[in-house]
Amino acid sequence: MAQSTFKMLNTEEQLAALKDIQKMMERSSRFLSLNGLSGIFVGLIALAGALAAYLYIGTKAGKLPYFEYAKNANGEMNISFVGFFLIDALSVLFASLLVATWLTLRKAKREGEKVWTASGRRLMFNMAIPLGSGGLFCMIMLFHGYAGMVAPVTLVFYGLALVNASKYTFEHIKFLGLVEIFLGLFAAIFINHGLLFWALGFGVAHMLYGIIAYFTFEKSN
């Protein structure tokens, strides 16, 4: 009896040791300081930016698609309109990065983890490539007058960035990336509703992902 109890305890200790080794290997290869609260707050910020854009468009007369206001009557770029949307988008981006960075640092400090690790650098690099390419592509389209495709392209490239980054952080972030890609493709089809799809992708989808991730993967731990 005592011998079987000893074997059981020994087996449990081995399993516990294996779990610890697995956690150490996972932490060394993946960036695990992201949290669901970031998704919730980023979604709220994106919805605020989308609301500001819709209110701005609502002050315009006529029934043209929103992106048609990016051009003047003579077909040239409407600097004030494009400038507002650039400021709006950059404000959303800056506020989102600020909040996400603060929450990530807070979680890392609470769990005794470092942020600027090899896995963190890989994550940033693999997200920066599609995000940077998408940003430059949007500027090129604006230059050529294709303002209506900016919302779909930002969604698609952001989704690609998330799918690419899922290899270096929580794997379930891939599903958020796929949702962003599909919404971007639909936004390209229903181009007159690009801002609505943008709000759904960067706002609602982010909030839903953040809520699910927080209560499923973090709150339970």
Protein backbone atom coordinates (compact mmCIF):
# COMPACT_ATOMS: atom_id res chain seq x y z
CA MET A 1 0.00 0.00 0.00
CA ALA A 2 2.74 2.41 0.95
CA GLN A 3 4.68 1.50 -2.17
CA SER A 4 1.71 2.23 -4.48
CA THR A 5 1.14 5.55 -2.71
CA PHE A 6 4.81 6.45 -3.22
CA LYS A 7 4.57 5.59 -6.93
CA MET A 8 1.44 7.73 -7.25
CA LEU A 9 3.14 10.68 -5.60
CA ASN A 10 6.23 10.20 -7.75
CA THR A 11 4.09 10.16 -10.90
CA GLU A 12 2.28 13.34 -9.84
CA GLU A 13 5.61 15.06 -9.16
CA GLN A 14 6.87 14.06 -12.60
CA LEU A 15 3.72 15.38 -14.27
CA ALA A 16 4.04 18.64 -12.33
CA ALA A 17 7.68 18.94 -13.41
CA LEU A 18 6.74 18.31 -17.03
CA LYS A 19 4.06 21.01 -16.83
CA ASP A 20 6.60 23.46 -15.42
CA ILE A 21 9.03 22.65 -18.23
CA GLN A 22 6.27 23.10 -20.79
CA LYS A 23 5.37 26.50 -19.35
CA MET A 24 9.02 27.59 -19.41
CA MET A 25 9.40 26.52 -23.04
CA GLU A 26 6.18 28.30 -23.99
CA ARG A 27 7.27 31.51 -22.28
CA SER A 28 10.63 31.41 -24.03
CA SER A 29 9.08 30.98 -27.50
CA ARG A 30 5.87 33.02 -27.19
CA PHE A 31 5.00 36.51 -25.98
CA LEU A 32 2.31 35.94 -23.32
CA SER A 33 1.88 39.39 -21.78
CA LEU A 34 -0.99 40.43 -24.05
CA ASN A 35 -4.36 40.49 -22.32
CA GLY A 36 -8.06 40.62 -23.08
CA LEU A 37 -8.54 44.02 -21.48
CA SER A 38 -6.38 45.50 -24.24
CA GLY A 39 -8.83 44.20 -26.84
CA ILE A 40 -11.79 45.68 -24.97
CA PHE A 41 -10.28 49.15 -24.62
CA VAL A 42 -8.88 49.18 -28.16
CA GLY A 43 -12.36 48.29 -29.43
CA LEU A 44 -13.90 51.17 -27.47
CA ILE A 45 -11.32 53.61 -28.84
CA ALA A 46 -11.96 52.40 -32.40
CA LEU A 47 -15.72 52.84 -31.97
CA ALA A 48 -15.13 56.38 -30.71
CA GLY A 49 -13.04 57.12 -33.81
CA ALA A 50 -15.70 55.63 -36.10
CA LEU A 51 -18.39 57.71 -34.37
CA ALA A 52 -16.33 60.86 -34.92
CA ALA A 53 -16.03 59.98 -38.63
CA TYR A 54 -19.77 59.37 -38.99
CA LEU A 55 -20.58 62.64 -37.24
CA TYR A 56 -18.17 64.45 -39.54
CA ILE A 57 -19.77 62.90 -42.63
CA GLY A 58 -23.21 63.75 -41.28
CA THR A 59 -22.38 67.44 -41.48
CA LYS A 60 -21.85 67.11 -45.24
CA ALA A 61 -24.72 67.81 -47.63
CA GLY A 62 -25.76 65.37 -50.34
CA LYS A 63 -26.13 61.60 -50.56
CA LEU A 64 -22.79 60.61 -52.02
CA PRO A 65 -20.83 57.64 -50.61
CA TYR A 66 -18.59 58.84 -47.80
CA PHE A 67 -15.37 58.34 -49.79
CA GLU A 68 -16.58 60.59 -52.63
CA TYR A 69 -16.07 63.57 -50.34
CA ALA A 70 -12.34 62.86 -50.53
CA LYS A 71 -12.41 64.68 -53.89
CA ASN A 72 -13.34 68.25 -54.74
CA ALA A 73 -15.77 69.19 -57.49
CA ASN A 74 -12.84 69.40 -59.93
CA GLY A 75 -11.72 65.86 -59.06
CA GLU A 76 -8.72 66.88 -56.96
CA MET A 77 -8.05 65.61 -53.45
CA ASN A 78 -10.10 67.31 -50.73
CA ILE A 79 -7.31 68.11 -48.28
CA SER A 80 -9.59 69.02 -45.36
CA PHE A 81 -11.62 65.80 -45.66
CA VAL A 82 -8.60 63.52 -46.08
CA GLY A 83 -6.78 65.42 -43.33
CA PHE A 84 -9.62 64.85 -40.88
CA PHE A 85 -9.67 61.12 -41.54
CA LEU A 86 -5.91 60.85 -41.23
CA ILE A 87 -5.96 62.70 -37.91
CA ASP A 88 -8.87 60.55 -36.74
CA ALA A 89 -7.14 57.30 -37.73
CA LEU A 90 -3.79 58.33 -36.25
CA SER A 91 -5.49 59.41 -33.01
CA VAL A 92 -7.17 56.00 -32.74
CA LEU A 93 -3.86 54.28 -33.48
CA PHE A 94 -1.89 56.34 -30.94
CA ALA A 95 -4.49 55.95 -28.18
CA SER A 96 -4.79 52.20 -28.86
CA LEU A 97 -1.03 51.69 -28.73
CA LEU A 98 -0.78 53.74 -25.54
CA VAL A 99 -3.51 51.79 -23.74
CA ALA A 100 -2.35 48.39 -25.03
CA THR A 101 1.25 49.12 -24.02
CA TRP A 102 0.25 50.24 -20.54
CA LEU A 103 -1.95 47.17 -19.95
CA THR A 104 0.74 44.85 -21.32
CA LEU A 105 3.41 46.34 -19.06
CA ARG A 106 1.07 46.10 -16.08
CA LYS A 107 0.34 42.43 -16.73
CA ALA A 108 4.02 41.63 -17.29
CA LYS A 109 4.98 43.36 -14.03
CA ARG A 110 2.23 41.55 -12.12
CA GLU A 111 3.39 38.17 -13.42
CA GLY A 112 7.09 38.93 -13.08
CA GLU A 113 7.70 38.70 -16.82
CA LYS A 114 9.89 40.80 -19.12
CA VAL A 115 8.32 42.54 -22.12
CA TRP A 116 11.25 43.22 -24.43
CA THR A 117 12.28 39.58 -24.91
CA ALA A 118 13.29 37.68 -28.03
CA SER A 119 9.71 36.47 -28.48
CA GLY A 120 8.42 40.02 -28.00
CA ARG A 121 10.78 41.32 -30.66
CA ARG A 122 9.73 38.56 -33.07
CA LEU A 123 6.10 39.43 -32.43
CA MET A 124 6.65 43.13 -33.16
CA PHE A 125 8.70 42.44 -36.28
CA ASN A 126 6.18 40.02 -37.77
CA MET A 127 3.32 42.42 -37.12
CA ALA A 128 5.22 45.45 -38.43
CA ILE A 129 5.75 43.97 -41.90
CA PRO A 130 2.06 43.62 -42.93
CA LEU A 131 1.02 46.70 -40.96
CA GLY A 132 3.70 48.87 -42.55
CA SER A 133 2.97 47.51 -46.01
CA GLY A 134 -0.76 48.09 -45.54
CA GLY A 135 -0.20 51.64 -44.35
CA LEU A 136 1.97 52.49 -47.34
CA PHE A 137 -0.52 50.84 -49.69
CA CYS A 138 -3.32 52.99 -48.23
CA MET A 139 -1.29 56.15 -48.79
CA ILE A 140 -0.67 55.12 -52.40
CA MET A 141 -4.39 54.52 -52.95
CA LEU A 142 -5.24 57.90 -51.46
CA PHE A 143 -2.69 59.49 -53.77
CA HIS A 144 -4.41 57.88 -56.75
CA GLY A 145 -7.89 58.77 -55.51
CA TYR A 146 -9.09 55.34 -54.34
CA ALA A 147 -10.24 56.51 -50.92
CA GLY A 148 -13.07 53.98 -50.78
CA MET A 149 -10.61 51.07 -50.58
CA VAL A 150 -8.74 52.38 -47.53
CA ALA A 151 -11.14 50.86 -44.98
CA PRO A 152 -11.11 47.37 -46.59
CA VAL A 153 -7.33 47.38 -46.99
CA THR A 154 -6.67 48.39 -43.38
CA LEU A 155 -8.88 45.52 -42.19
CA VAL A 156 -7.27 42.93 -44.47
CA PHE A 157 -3.68 43.90 -43.69
CA TYR A 158 -4.40 44.13 -39.97
CA GLY A 159 -5.94 40.67 -40.10
CA LEU A 160 -2.87 39.35 -41.89
CA ALA A 161 -0.68 40.93 -39.20
CA LEU A 162 -2.63 39.16 -36.45
CA VAL A 163 -2.50 35.80 -38.22
CA ASN A 164 1.23 36.24 -38.73
CA ALA A 165 1.75 37.26 -35.09
CA SER A 166 -0.25 34.33 -33.70
CA LYS A 167 2.84 32.14 -34.17
CA TYR A 168 4.64 34.19 -31.51
CA THR A 169 1.87 34.82 -28.98
CA PHE A 170 -1.50 33.29 -28.06
CA GLU A 171 -2.59 31.10 -30.95
CA HIS A 172 -6.27 32.02 -30.58
CA ILE A 173 -5.49 35.55 -31.77
CA LYS A 174 -5.44 33.97 -35.24
CA PHE A 175 -9.25 33.77 -35.17
CA LEU A 176 -9.51 37.53 -34.61
CA GLY A 177 -7.19 38.00 -37.59
CA LEU A 178 -9.40 35.82 -39.80
CA VAL A 179 -12.47 37.80 -38.76
CA GLU A 180 -10.69 41.05 -39.69
CA ILE A 181 -9.73 39.64 -43.10
CA PHE A 182 -13.29 38.49 -43.88
CA LEU A 183 -14.74 41.84 -42.80
CA GLY A 184 -12.19 43.61 -45.00
CA LEU A 185 -13.18 41.51 -48.01
CA PHE A 186 -16.87 42.21 -47.41
CA ALA A 187 -16.05 45.90 -47.02
CA ALA A 188 -14.40 45.79 -50.46
CA ILE A 189 -17.57 44.28 -51.94
CA PHE A 190 -20.00 46.63 -50.18
CA ILE A 191 -17.72 49.60 -50.60
CA ASN A 192 -20.34 52.22 -49.66
CA HIS A 193 -20.44 50.73 -46.14
CA GLY A 194 -16.69 50.65 -45.57
CA LEU A 195 -16.86 52.71 -42.38
CA LEU A 196 -19.47 50.37 -40.92
CA PHE A 197 -17.26 47.34 -41.56
CA TRP A 198 -14.29 49.27 -40.16
CA ALA A 199 -16.24 49.90 -36.94
CA LEU A 200 -17.28 46.24 -36.79
CA GLY A 201 -13.71 45.02 -37.32
CA PHE A 202 -11.64 47.35 -35.19
CA GLY A 203 -14.39 48.09 -32.68
CA VAL A 204 -16.92 45.32 -32.11
CA ALA A 205 -14.68 42.36 -33.06
CA HIS A 206 -11.90 43.65 -30.80
CA MET A 207 -14.27 44.05 -27.87
CA LEU A 208 -15.81 40.59 -28.31
CA TYR A 209 -12.36 39.02 -28.60
CA GLY A 210 -11.16 40.89 -25.51
CA ILE A 211 -14.16 39.80 -23.44
CA ILE A 212 -13.84 36.14 -24.52
CA ALA A 213 -10.07 36.10 -24.00
CA TYR A 214 -10.29 37.74 -20.58
CA PHE A 215 -12.95 35.49 -19.09
CA THR A 216 -11.86 32.28 -20.85
CA PHE A 217 -8.05 32.39 -20.77
CA GLU A 218 -7.17 34.88 -18.03
CA LYS A 219 -9.88 35.13 -15.40
CA SER A 220 -9.89 31.37 -14.94
CA ASN A 221 -6.12 31.30 -14.25
